[in-house]
Amino acid sequence: MFWILLLLLILVVFGFGFTLQILWWVAAVLLVLWIVGFVQRGRGGGHRRYRRGRR
């Protein structure tokens, strides 16, 4: 019984480690996309602000 619980604990920890590794990669990709979008908005004259109401 002890060995089964130990094996399950190891599998759960390994699963969390694998999931966290994937989440780190996803976060890194999103950060790069955000930076690229920020730079593109700065270059492309993204100062257009639309207001509702009077023009």
C-alpha atoms as a PDB file:
ATOM      1  CA  MET A   1       0.000   0.000   0.000  1.00  0.00           C
ATOM      2  CA  PHE A   2       2.836   2.397   0.866  1.00  0.00           C
ATOM      3  CA  TRP A   3       4.542   1.828  -2.484  1.00  0.00           C
ATOM      4  CA  ILE A   4       1.350   2.549  -4.416  1.00  0.00           C
ATOM      5  CA  LEU A   5       0.859   5.837  -2.565  1.00  0.00           C
ATOM      6  CA  LEU A   6       4.494   6.742  -3.144  1.00  0.00           C
ATOM      7  CA  LEU A   7       4.172   5.949  -6.854  1.00  0.00           C
ATOM      8  CA  LEU A   8       0.990   8.048  -7.109  1.00  0.00           C
ATOM      9  CA  LEU A   9       2.710  10.933  -5.323  1.00  0.00           C
ATOM     10  CA  ILE A  10       5.660  10.739  -7.718  1.00  0.00           C
ATOM     11  CA  LEU A  11       3.328  10.698 -10.728  1.00  0.00           C
ATOM     12  CA  VAL A  12       1.382  13.705  -9.435  1.00  0.00           C
ATOM     13  CA  VAL A  13       4.561  15.701  -8.771  1.00  0.00           C
ATOM     14  CA  PHE A  14       5.923  14.776 -12.203  1.00  0.00           C
ATOM     15  CA  GLY A  15       2.629  15.828 -13.791  1.00  0.00           C
ATOM     16  CA  PHE A  16       2.692  19.189 -12.030  1.00  0.00           C
ATOM     17  CA  GLY A  17       6.294  19.726 -13.074  1.00  0.00           C
ATOM     18  CA  PHE A  18       5.486  18.937 -16.704  1.00  0.00           C
ATOM     19  CA  THR A  19       2.412  21.177 -16.622  1.00  0.00           C
ATOM     20  CA  LEU A  20       4.327  24.043 -15.037  1.00  0.00           C
ATOM     21  CA  GLN A  21       7.063  23.690 -17.657  1.00  0.00           C
ATOM     22  CA  ILE A  22       4.455  24.002 -20.421  1.00  0.00           C
ATOM     23  CA  LEU A  23       2.887  26.998 -18.665  1.00  0.00           C
ATOM     24  CA  TRP A  24       6.284  28.705 -18.501  1.00  0.00           C
ATOM     25  CA  TRP A  25       6.705  28.253 -22.249  1.00  0.00           C
ATOM     26  CA  VAL A  26       3.190  29.580 -22.917  1.00  0.00           C
ATOM     27  CA  ALA A  27       3.881  32.596 -20.691  1.00  0.00           C
ATOM     28  CA  ALA A  28       7.160  33.263 -22.529  1.00  0.00           C
ATOM     29  CA  VAL A  29       5.440  33.132 -25.936  1.00  0.00           C
ATOM     30  CA  LEU A  30       2.661  35.456 -24.769  1.00  0.00           C
ATOM     31  CA  LEU A  31       5.229  37.888 -23.374  1.00  0.00           C
ATOM     32  CA  VAL A  32       7.056  37.983 -26.713  1.00  0.00           C
ATOM     33  CA  LEU A  33       3.782  38.541 -28.582  1.00  0.00           C
ATOM     34  CA  TRP A  34       2.841  41.339 -26.184  1.00  0.00           C
ATOM     35  CA  ILE A  35       6.212  43.047 -26.674  1.00  0.00           C
ATOM     36  CA  VAL A  36       5.948  42.737 -30.472  1.00  0.00           C
ATOM     37  CA  GLY A  37       2.438  44.193 -30.375  1.00  0.00           C
ATOM     38  CA  PHE A  38       3.608  47.030 -28.161  1.00  0.00           C
ATOM     39  CA  VAL A  39       6.463  47.871 -30.552  1.00  0.00           C
ATOM     40  CA  GLN A  40       4.205  47.639 -33.619  1.00  0.00           C
ATOM     41  CA  ARG A  41       1.615  49.909 -32.007  1.00  0.00           C
ATOM     42  CA  GLY A  42       4.324  52.456 -31.251  1.00  0.00           C
ATOM     43  CA  ARG A  43       5.602  52.451 -34.823  1.00  0.00           C
ATOM     44  CA  GLY A  44       2.288  52.334 -36.646  1.00  0.00           C
ATOM     45  CA  GLY A  45       0.870  55.510 -35.170  1.00  0.00           C
ATOM     46  CA  GLY A  46      -1.570  53.755 -32.925  1.00  0.00           C
ATOM     47  CA  HIS A  47      -2.622  56.999 -31.304  1.00  0.00           C
ATOM     48  CA  ARG A  48      -6.116  56.653 -32.679  1.00  0.00           C
ATOM     49  CA  ARG A  49      -8.585  56.891 -29.859  1.00  0.00           C
ATOM     50  CA  TYR A  50     -12.225  56.567 -30.619  1.00  0.00           C
ATOM     51  CA  ARG A  51     -14.636  58.448 -28.414  1.00  0.00           C
ATOM     52  CA  ARG A  52     -18.355  58.024 -28.221  1.00  0.00           C
ATOM     53  CA  GLY A  53     -20.514  61.068 -28.417  1.00  0.00           C
ATOM     54  CA  ARG A  54     -19.276  64.386 -29.802  1.00  0.00           C
ATOM     55  CA  ARG A  55     -16.547  64.490 -32.413  1.00  0.00           C
END
